[in-house]
Amino acid sequence: MLWAAFVVTREDLGKRTAPSAVNWQEIDIYVATADGLFLYDAKKHALMQVLSKDVREFTGRQPFVKTAPVNLVYVTDFSKMGQAKSDEKIFYSAADTGFISQNVYLYCASEGLATVVRGLVDREALGEIMKLGPDQRITLSQSVGYPKK
């Protein structure tokens, strides 16, 4: 799923499975599971543990986020966007997050998984839990699980 989302596919060029405005690649994907919070390293196609506690309940305001097997948290790192204007940073990072989350939707559809993108996130509280820096901002969250039977 993370490979489909935003892995580096062309190491020589640093290209990924989703487009990125000006090739800023400013979006980081955090993965919240029962085992903790992980940061996806797209170059190594690996997860690096950030927190060892279950933070899924903080990834959204809906009750189901607590039990979804996986909650992805898309974080923009504005420091990767150079001297772009503030409104451009917000616009392009939102678009780039949309491309990545759509790849997750396509993967989930192909594998019979359920997914939903969510904007209802207490970004400030979750950002504190995640220990995000001043140039980082949560864009969206996306829950992934199994369809109801």
N, C-alpha and C. Protein backbone atom coordinates (compact mmCIF):
# COMPACT_ATOMS: atom_id res chain seq x y z
N MET A 1 0.83 -1.19 0.00
CA MET A 1 0.00 0.00 0.00
C MET A 1 0.88 1.26 0.00
N LEU A 2 1.90 1.28 0.85
CA LEU A 2 2.77 2.46 0.88
C LEU A 2 3.61 2.58 -0.38
N TRP A 3 3.95 1.43 -0.97
CA TRP A 3 4.65 1.48 -2.25
C TRP A 3 3.78 2.20 -3.28
N ALA A 4 2.52 1.82 -3.34
CA ALA A 4 1.59 2.47 -4.28
C ALA A 4 1.41 3.94 -3.95
N ALA A 5 1.42 4.26 -2.68
CA ALA A 5 1.15 5.64 -2.25
C ALA A 5 2.21 6.61 -2.73
N PHE A 6 3.50 6.32 -2.43
CA PHE A 6 4.48 7.39 -2.67
C PHE A 6 5.93 6.91 -2.62
N VAL A 7 6.19 5.68 -3.04
CA VAL A 7 7.56 5.16 -3.00
C VAL A 7 8.42 5.83 -4.08
N VAL A 8 9.72 5.84 -3.88
CA VAL A 8 10.65 6.30 -4.91
C VAL A 8 10.80 5.17 -5.92
N THR A 9 10.40 5.44 -7.16
CA THR A 9 10.45 4.42 -8.21
C THR A 9 11.63 4.61 -9.16
N ARG A 10 12.14 5.81 -9.22
CA ARG A 10 13.28 6.10 -10.10
C ARG A 10 14.36 6.75 -9.25
N GLU A 11 15.21 5.91 -8.66
CA GLU A 11 16.23 6.43 -7.76
C GLU A 11 17.13 7.45 -8.45
N ASP A 12 17.43 7.22 -9.72
CA ASP A 12 18.32 8.14 -10.44
C ASP A 12 17.72 9.54 -10.53
N LEU A 13 16.38 9.64 -10.56
CA LEU A 13 15.72 10.93 -10.66
C LEU A 13 14.96 11.30 -9.39
N GLY A 14 14.83 10.36 -8.47
CA GLY A 14 14.07 10.61 -7.24
C GLY A 14 12.58 10.67 -7.47
N LYS A 15 12.11 10.15 -8.59
CA LYS A 15 10.68 10.20 -8.90
C LYS A 15 9.91 9.18 -8.08
N ARG A 16 8.62 9.49 -7.86
CA ARG A 16 7.78 8.66 -7.01
C ARG A 16 6.51 8.23 -7.74
N THR A 17 5.68 7.45 -7.05
CA THR A 17 4.46 6.93 -7.67
C THR A 17 3.35 7.97 -7.74
N ALA A 18 3.53 9.12 -7.12
CA ALA A 18 2.56 10.21 -7.20
C ALA A 18 3.31 11.49 -7.56
N PRO A 19 2.67 12.37 -8.31
CA PRO A 19 3.35 13.62 -8.67
C PRO A 19 3.51 14.53 -7.47
N SER A 20 4.46 15.43 -7.58
CA SER A 20 4.73 16.40 -6.54
C SER A 20 5.10 17.72 -7.22
N ALA A 21 4.38 18.78 -6.88
CA ALA A 21 4.63 20.08 -7.50
C ALA A 21 6.10 20.46 -7.35
N VAL A 22 6.71 20.88 -8.44
CA VAL A 22 8.10 21.29 -8.49
C VAL A 22 9.04 20.20 -7.94
N ASN A 23 8.53 18.98 -7.85
CA ASN A 23 9.25 17.84 -7.28
C ASN A 23 9.75 18.14 -5.86
N TRP A 24 8.94 18.92 -5.11
CA TRP A 24 9.30 19.25 -3.73
C TRP A 24 9.28 18.02 -2.84
N GLN A 25 8.37 17.09 -3.11
CA GLN A 25 8.22 15.89 -2.29
C GLN A 25 8.12 16.26 -0.81
N GLU A 26 7.22 17.19 -0.55
CA GLU A 26 7.06 17.77 0.78
C GLU A 26 6.14 16.98 1.70
N ILE A 27 5.52 15.93 1.19
CA ILE A 27 4.59 15.15 2.00
C ILE A 27 5.30 13.96 2.64
N ASP A 28 5.12 13.82 3.94
CA ASP A 28 5.58 12.64 4.67
C ASP A 28 4.35 11.85 5.09
N ILE A 29 4.48 10.54 5.06
CA ILE A 29 3.38 9.67 5.47
C ILE A 29 3.74 9.01 6.79
N TYR A 30 2.90 9.25 7.77
CA TYR A 30 3.02 8.59 9.07
C TYR A 30 1.97 7.49 9.12
N VAL A 31 2.31 6.38 9.74
CA VAL A 31 1.43 5.22 9.81
C VAL A 31 1.15 4.92 11.28
N ALA A 32 -0.12 5.05 11.66
CA ALA A 32 -0.53 4.77 13.04
C ALA A 32 -1.19 3.40 13.08
N THR A 33 -0.67 2.52 13.93
CA THR A 33 -1.21 1.19 14.13
C THR A 33 -1.30 0.93 15.63
N ALA A 34 -1.80 -0.22 16.00
CA ALA A 34 -1.85 -0.59 17.41
C ALA A 34 -0.44 -0.67 18.01
N ASP A 35 0.56 -0.90 17.18
CA ASP A 35 1.95 -1.03 17.65
C ASP A 35 2.67 0.31 17.80
N GLY A 36 2.05 1.39 17.36
CA GLY A 36 2.69 2.69 17.50
C GLY A 36 2.56 3.55 16.25
N LEU A 37 3.40 4.57 16.19
CA LEU A 37 3.42 5.51 15.06
C LEU A 37 4.74 5.36 14.34
N PHE A 38 4.66 5.27 13.01
CA PHE A 38 5.83 5.04 12.17
C PHE A 38 5.90 6.10 11.08
N LEU A 39 7.09 6.45 10.66
CA LEU A 39 7.31 7.33 9.52
C LEU A 39 7.76 6.47 8.35
N TYR A 40 7.11 6.66 7.20
CA TYR A 40 7.46 5.89 6.01
C TYR A 40 8.67 6.51 5.33
N ASP A 41 9.71 5.72 5.15
CA ASP A 41 10.90 6.12 4.42
C ASP A 41 10.74 5.60 2.99
N ALA A 42 10.39 6.50 2.09
CA ALA A 42 10.08 6.10 0.71
C ALA A 42 11.30 5.62 -0.06
N LYS A 43 12.46 6.11 0.27
CA LYS A 43 13.67 5.67 -0.44
C LYS A 43 14.04 4.24 -0.08
N LYS A 44 13.88 3.89 1.19
CA LYS A 44 14.20 2.54 1.66
C LYS A 44 12.99 1.62 1.65
N HIS A 45 11.82 2.18 1.39
CA HIS A 45 10.55 1.45 1.46
C HIS A 45 10.47 0.72 2.80
N ALA A 46 10.60 1.52 3.87
CA ALA A 46 10.64 0.96 5.22
C ALA A 46 9.93 1.90 6.19
N LEU A 47 9.49 1.33 7.30
CA LEU A 47 8.87 2.12 8.37
C LEU A 47 9.88 2.33 9.48
N MET A 48 9.92 3.55 9.99
CA MET A 48 10.79 3.88 11.12
C MET A 48 9.87 4.26 12.28
N GLN A 49 10.01 3.60 13.41
CA GLN A 49 9.13 3.87 14.54
C GLN A 49 9.45 5.23 15.15
N VAL A 50 8.39 6.02 15.36
CA VAL A 50 8.49 7.34 15.94
C VAL A 50 8.00 7.31 17.39
N LEU A 51 6.90 6.60 17.62
CA LEU A 51 6.33 6.44 18.96
C LEU A 51 5.95 4.98 19.15
N SER A 52 6.07 4.49 20.36
CA SER A 52 5.71 3.10 20.62
C SER A 52 4.31 2.96 21.19
N LYS A 53 3.57 4.05 21.32
CA LYS A 53 2.20 3.95 21.84
C LYS A 53 1.18 4.06 20.72
N ASP A 54 0.02 3.51 20.94
CA ASP A 54 -1.09 3.52 19.98
C ASP A 54 -1.73 4.90 19.99
N VAL A 55 -1.61 5.63 18.89
CA VAL A 55 -2.17 6.98 18.80
C VAL A 55 -3.33 7.06 17.80
N ARG A 56 -3.83 5.90 17.38
CA ARG A 56 -4.88 5.91 16.35
C ARG A 56 -6.08 6.76 16.73
N GLU A 57 -6.47 6.76 17.99
CA GLU A 57 -7.66 7.50 18.40
C GLU A 57 -7.52 9.00 18.18
N PHE A 58 -6.30 9.50 18.04
CA PHE A 58 -6.06 10.93 17.85
C PHE A 58 -5.99 11.32 16.37
N THR A 59 -6.07 10.34 15.48
CA THR A 59 -5.93 10.62 14.05
C THR A 59 -7.22 11.09 13.40
N GLY A 60 -8.27 11.24 14.18
CA GLY A 60 -9.53 11.74 13.64
C GLY A 60 -10.56 11.85 14.74
N ARG A 61 -11.66 12.48 14.41
CA ARG A 61 -12.71 12.70 15.40
C ARG A 61 -13.82 11.66 15.36
N GLN A 62 -13.82 10.81 14.37
CA GLN A 62 -14.83 9.76 14.28
C GLN A 62 -14.43 8.58 15.15
N PRO A 63 -15.43 7.89 15.73
CA PRO A 63 -15.12 6.80 16.65
C PRO A 63 -14.36 5.63 16.01
N PHE A 64 -14.56 5.37 14.73
CA PHE A 64 -13.95 4.19 14.10
C PHE A 64 -12.44 4.28 13.97
N VAL A 65 -11.86 5.47 14.09
CA VAL A 65 -10.41 5.59 13.90
C VAL A 65 -9.63 4.84 14.98
N LYS A 66 -10.25 4.65 16.16
CA LYS A 66 -9.58 3.96 17.26
C LYS A 66 -9.30 2.50 16.94
N THR A 67 -10.14 1.91 16.09
CA THR A 67 -10.02 0.48 15.82
C THR A 67 -9.61 0.15 14.38
N ALA A 68 -9.52 1.16 13.54
CA ALA A 68 -9.05 0.90 12.17
C ALA A 68 -7.64 0.33 12.25
N PRO A 69 -7.34 -0.74 11.52
CA PRO A 69 -6.00 -1.34 11.60
C PRO A 69 -4.89 -0.35 11.29
N VAL A 70 -5.15 0.56 10.34
CA VAL A 70 -4.12 1.51 9.92
C VAL A 70 -4.77 2.88 9.73
N ASN A 71 -4.12 3.89 10.26
CA ASN A 71 -4.48 5.27 9.96
C ASN A 71 -3.24 5.96 9.43
N LEU A 72 -3.33 6.42 8.21
CA LEU A 72 -2.24 7.18 7.60
C LEU A 72 -2.44 8.65 7.96
N VAL A 73 -1.36 9.33 8.26
CA VAL A 73 -1.41 10.76 8.55
C VAL A 73 -0.45 11.43 7.58
N TYR A 74 -1.01 12.31 6.75
CA TYR A 74 -0.21 13.02 5.75
C TYR A 74 0.25 14.34 6.35
N VAL A 75 1.56 14.54 6.34
CA VAL A 75 2.16 15.72 6.96
C VAL A 75 2.97 16.47 5.90
N THR A 76 2.70 17.75 5.78
CA THR A 76 3.46 18.61 4.89
C THR A 76 4.64 19.18 5.64
N ASP A 77 5.80 19.16 5.01
CA ASP A 77 6.98 19.82 5.55
C ASP A 77 7.24 21.04 4.67
N PHE A 78 6.76 22.20 5.14
CA PHE A 78 6.87 23.42 4.35
C PHE A 78 8.33 23.83 4.10
N SER A 79 9.26 23.36 4.92
CA SER A 79 10.67 23.72 4.71
C SER A 79 11.22 23.13 3.42
N LYS A 80 10.55 22.10 2.88
CA LYS A 80 10.98 21.48 1.63
C LYS A 80 10.49 22.25 0.40
N MET A 81 9.68 23.31 0.63
CA MET A 81 9.04 24.01 -0.47
C MET A 81 9.70 25.34 -0.82
N GLY A 82 10.91 25.53 -0.33
CA GLY A 82 11.69 26.70 -0.70
C GLY A 82 11.02 28.02 -0.40
N GLN A 83 11.13 28.92 -1.35
CA GLN A 83 10.64 30.28 -1.18
C GLN A 83 9.23 30.49 -1.73
N ALA A 84 8.50 29.41 -1.92
CA ALA A 84 7.12 29.55 -2.43
C ALA A 84 6.31 30.40 -1.46
N LYS A 85 5.31 31.09 -1.99
CA LYS A 85 4.43 31.91 -1.16
C LYS A 85 3.59 31.00 -0.27
N SER A 86 3.15 31.53 0.85
CA SER A 86 2.38 30.76 1.82
C SER A 86 1.14 30.11 1.20
N ASP A 87 0.39 30.87 0.40
CA ASP A 87 -0.83 30.30 -0.21
C ASP A 87 -0.48 29.22 -1.22
N GLU A 88 0.65 29.34 -1.90
CA GLU A 88 1.09 28.30 -2.84
C GLU A 88 1.47 27.03 -2.08
N LYS A 89 2.14 27.18 -0.96
CA LYS A 89 2.52 26.02 -0.16
C LYS A 89 1.28 25.24 0.29
N ILE A 90 0.29 25.97 0.74
CA ILE A 90 -0.94 25.32 1.20
C ILE A 90 -1.65 24.63 0.03
N PHE A 91 -1.78 25.33 -1.08
CA PHE A 91 -2.48 24.77 -2.25
C PHE A 91 -1.76 23.53 -2.79
N TYR A 92 -0.47 23.64 -3.06
CA TYR A 92 0.25 22.53 -3.67
C TYR A 92 0.39 21.34 -2.73
N SER A 93 0.57 21.59 -1.45
CA SER A 93 0.67 20.46 -0.52
C SER A 93 -0.67 19.74 -0.41
N ALA A 94 -1.77 20.48 -0.50
CA ALA A 94 -3.09 19.84 -0.48
C ALA A 94 -3.29 18.99 -1.74
N ALA A 95 -2.92 19.53 -2.88
CA ALA A 95 -3.04 18.77 -4.13
C ALA A 95 -2.16 17.52 -4.09
N ASP A 96 -0.93 17.67 -3.63
CA ASP A 96 -0.02 16.53 -3.59
C ASP A 96 -0.52 15.45 -2.63
N THR A 97 -1.10 15.86 -1.51
CA THR A 97 -1.70 14.90 -0.59
C THR A 97 -2.84 14.16 -1.27
N GLY A 98 -3.62 14.87 -2.05
CA GLY A 98 -4.72 14.24 -2.79
C GLY A 98 -4.23 13.18 -3.75
N PHE A 99 -3.13 13.44 -4.45
CA PHE A 99 -2.59 12.44 -5.38
C PHE A 99 -2.16 11.18 -4.63
N ILE A 100 -1.49 11.36 -3.51
CA ILE A 100 -1.01 10.23 -2.72
C ILE A 100 -2.18 9.43 -2.17
N SER A 101 -3.15 10.13 -1.59
CA SER A 101 -4.29 9.43 -0.98
C SER A 101 -5.11 8.70 -2.04
N GLN A 102 -5.16 9.24 -3.25
CA GLN A 102 -5.86 8.54 -4.33
C GLN A 102 -5.16 7.24 -4.69
N ASN A 103 -3.83 7.25 -4.66
CA ASN A 103 -3.10 6.00 -4.89
C ASN A 103 -3.45 4.95 -3.84
N VAL A 104 -3.62 5.39 -2.61
CA VAL A 104 -4.03 4.47 -1.54
C VAL A 104 -5.43 3.95 -1.83
N TYR A 105 -6.33 4.81 -2.27
CA TYR A 105 -7.69 4.38 -2.64
C TYR A 105 -7.63 3.30 -3.73
N LEU A 106 -6.83 3.52 -4.74
CA LEU A 106 -6.73 2.56 -5.84
C LEU A 106 -6.15 1.23 -5.35
N TYR A 107 -5.13 1.30 -4.51
CA TYR A 107 -4.57 0.07 -3.96
C TYR A 107 -5.62 -0.67 -3.15
N CYS A 108 -6.31 0.04 -2.28
CA CYS A 108 -7.32 -0.61 -1.43
C CYS A 108 -8.42 -1.24 -2.27
N ALA A 109 -8.85 -0.56 -3.32
CA ALA A 109 -9.87 -1.12 -4.21
C ALA A 109 -9.38 -2.42 -4.84
N SER A 110 -8.11 -2.46 -5.22
CA SER A 110 -7.57 -3.65 -5.88
C SER A 110 -7.42 -4.82 -4.90
N GLU A 111 -7.31 -4.53 -3.60
CA GLU A 111 -7.07 -5.57 -2.60
C GLU A 111 -8.28 -5.88 -1.73
N GLY A 112 -9.43 -5.27 -2.05
CA GLY A 112 -10.65 -5.53 -1.29
C GLY A 112 -10.64 -4.89 0.10
N LEU A 113 -9.87 -3.84 0.28
CA LEU A 113 -9.81 -3.12 1.55
C LEU A 113 -10.73 -1.90 1.50
N ALA A 114 -11.08 -1.41 2.67
CA ALA A 114 -11.89 -0.20 2.78
C ALA A 114 -10.97 0.95 3.19
N THR A 115 -11.27 2.14 2.71
CA THR A 115 -10.49 3.31 3.10
C THR A 115 -11.34 4.55 3.02
N VAL A 116 -10.98 5.54 3.82
CA VAL A 116 -11.67 6.83 3.79
C VAL A 116 -10.68 7.91 4.21
N VAL A 117 -10.66 9.00 3.43
CA VAL A 117 -9.84 10.16 3.77
C VAL A 117 -10.65 11.03 4.71
N ARG A 118 -9.97 11.58 5.70
CA ARG A 118 -10.68 12.39 6.70
C ARG A 118 -9.95 13.72 6.94
N GLY A 119 -10.77 14.77 6.96
CA GLY A 119 -10.25 16.08 7.32
C GLY A 119 -10.57 16.46 8.76
N LEU A 120 -11.46 15.69 9.38
CA LEU A 120 -11.84 15.97 10.77
C LEU A 120 -10.76 15.44 11.71
N VAL A 121 -9.73 16.25 11.89
CA VAL A 121 -8.58 15.89 12.72
C VAL A 121 -8.26 17.10 13.59
N ASP A 122 -8.00 16.88 14.86
CA ASP A 122 -7.50 17.95 15.72
C ASP A 122 -6.01 18.05 15.43
N ARG A 123 -5.68 18.86 14.41
CA ARG A 123 -4.31 18.94 13.92
C ARG A 123 -3.32 19.40 14.99
N GLU A 124 -3.74 20.34 15.79
CA GLU A 124 -2.84 20.86 16.82
C GLU A 124 -2.51 19.78 17.86
N ALA A 125 -3.54 19.11 18.37
CA ALA A 125 -3.33 18.06 19.39
C ALA A 125 -2.51 16.90 18.82
N LEU A 126 -2.87 16.44 17.62
CA LEU A 126 -2.14 15.33 17.02
C LEU A 126 -0.70 15.74 16.70
N GLY A 127 -0.52 16.96 16.22
CA GLY A 127 0.83 17.45 15.94
C GLY A 127 1.72 17.45 17.17
N GLU A 128 1.15 17.80 18.32
CA GLU A 128 1.91 17.77 19.57
C GLU A 128 2.27 16.33 19.94
N ILE A 129 1.31 15.42 19.81
CA ILE A 129 1.58 14.00 20.12
C ILE A 129 2.68 13.46 19.20
N MET A 130 2.62 13.85 17.92
CA MET A 130 3.59 13.38 16.94
C MET A 130 4.94 14.09 17.05
N LYS A 131 4.98 15.17 17.84
CA LYS A 131 6.19 15.98 18.02
C LYS A 131 6.66 16.59 16.69
N LEU A 132 5.68 17.13 15.96
CA LEU A 132 6.00 17.76 14.68
C LEU A 132 6.72 19.09 14.90
N GLY A 133 7.55 19.45 13.94
CA GLY A 133 8.29 20.70 14.00
C GLY A 133 7.46 21.87 13.53
N PRO A 134 7.99 23.07 13.66
CA PRO A 134 7.23 24.28 13.30
C PRO A 134 6.90 24.40 11.81
N ASP A 135 7.66 23.73 10.95
CA ASP A 135 7.40 23.79 9.51
C ASP A 135 6.54 22.63 9.02
N GLN A 136 6.08 21.79 9.94
CA GLN A 136 5.27 20.64 9.56
C GLN A 136 3.80 20.88 9.91
N ARG A 137 2.92 20.40 9.02
CA ARG A 137 1.48 20.59 9.22
C ARG A 137 0.75 19.34 8.74
N ILE A 138 -0.18 18.86 9.55
CA ILE A 138 -1.01 17.72 9.16
C ILE A 138 -2.00 18.19 8.10
N THR A 139 -2.03 17.48 6.98
CA THR A 139 -2.94 17.82 5.90
C THR A 139 -4.24 17.03 6.01
N LEU A 140 -4.13 15.73 6.02
CA LEU A 140 -5.28 14.83 6.11
C LEU A 140 -4.88 13.55 6.82
N SER A 141 -5.89 12.77 7.19
CA SER A 141 -5.68 11.40 7.66
C SER A 141 -6.47 10.47 6.75
N GLN A 142 -6.09 9.21 6.74
CA GLN A 142 -6.79 8.22 5.92
C GLN A 142 -6.78 6.89 6.64
N SER A 143 -7.98 6.42 6.95
CA SER A 143 -8.11 5.12 7.62
C SER A 143 -8.18 4.01 6.58
N VAL A 144 -7.55 2.90 6.91
CA VAL A 144 -7.58 1.72 6.04
C VAL A 144 -7.96 0.51 6.90
N GLY A 145 -8.90 -0.27 6.39
CA GLY A 145 -9.32 -1.45 7.13
C GLY A 145 -10.05 -2.41 6.22
N TYR A 146 -10.95 -3.14 6.82
CA TYR A 146 -11.70 -4.16 6.10
C TYR A 146 -13.15 -3.73 5.95
N PRO A 147 -13.78 -4.02 4.82
CA PRO A 147 -15.18 -3.64 4.63
C PRO A 147 -16.09 -4.35 5.64
N LYS A 148 -17.17 -3.67 6.01
CA LYS A 148 -18.16 -4.31 6.88
C LYS A 148 -18.82 -5.42 6.10
N LYS A 149 -19.14 -6.51 6.81
CA LYS A 149 -19.78 -7.65 6.15
C LYS A 149 -21.25 -7.66 6.44
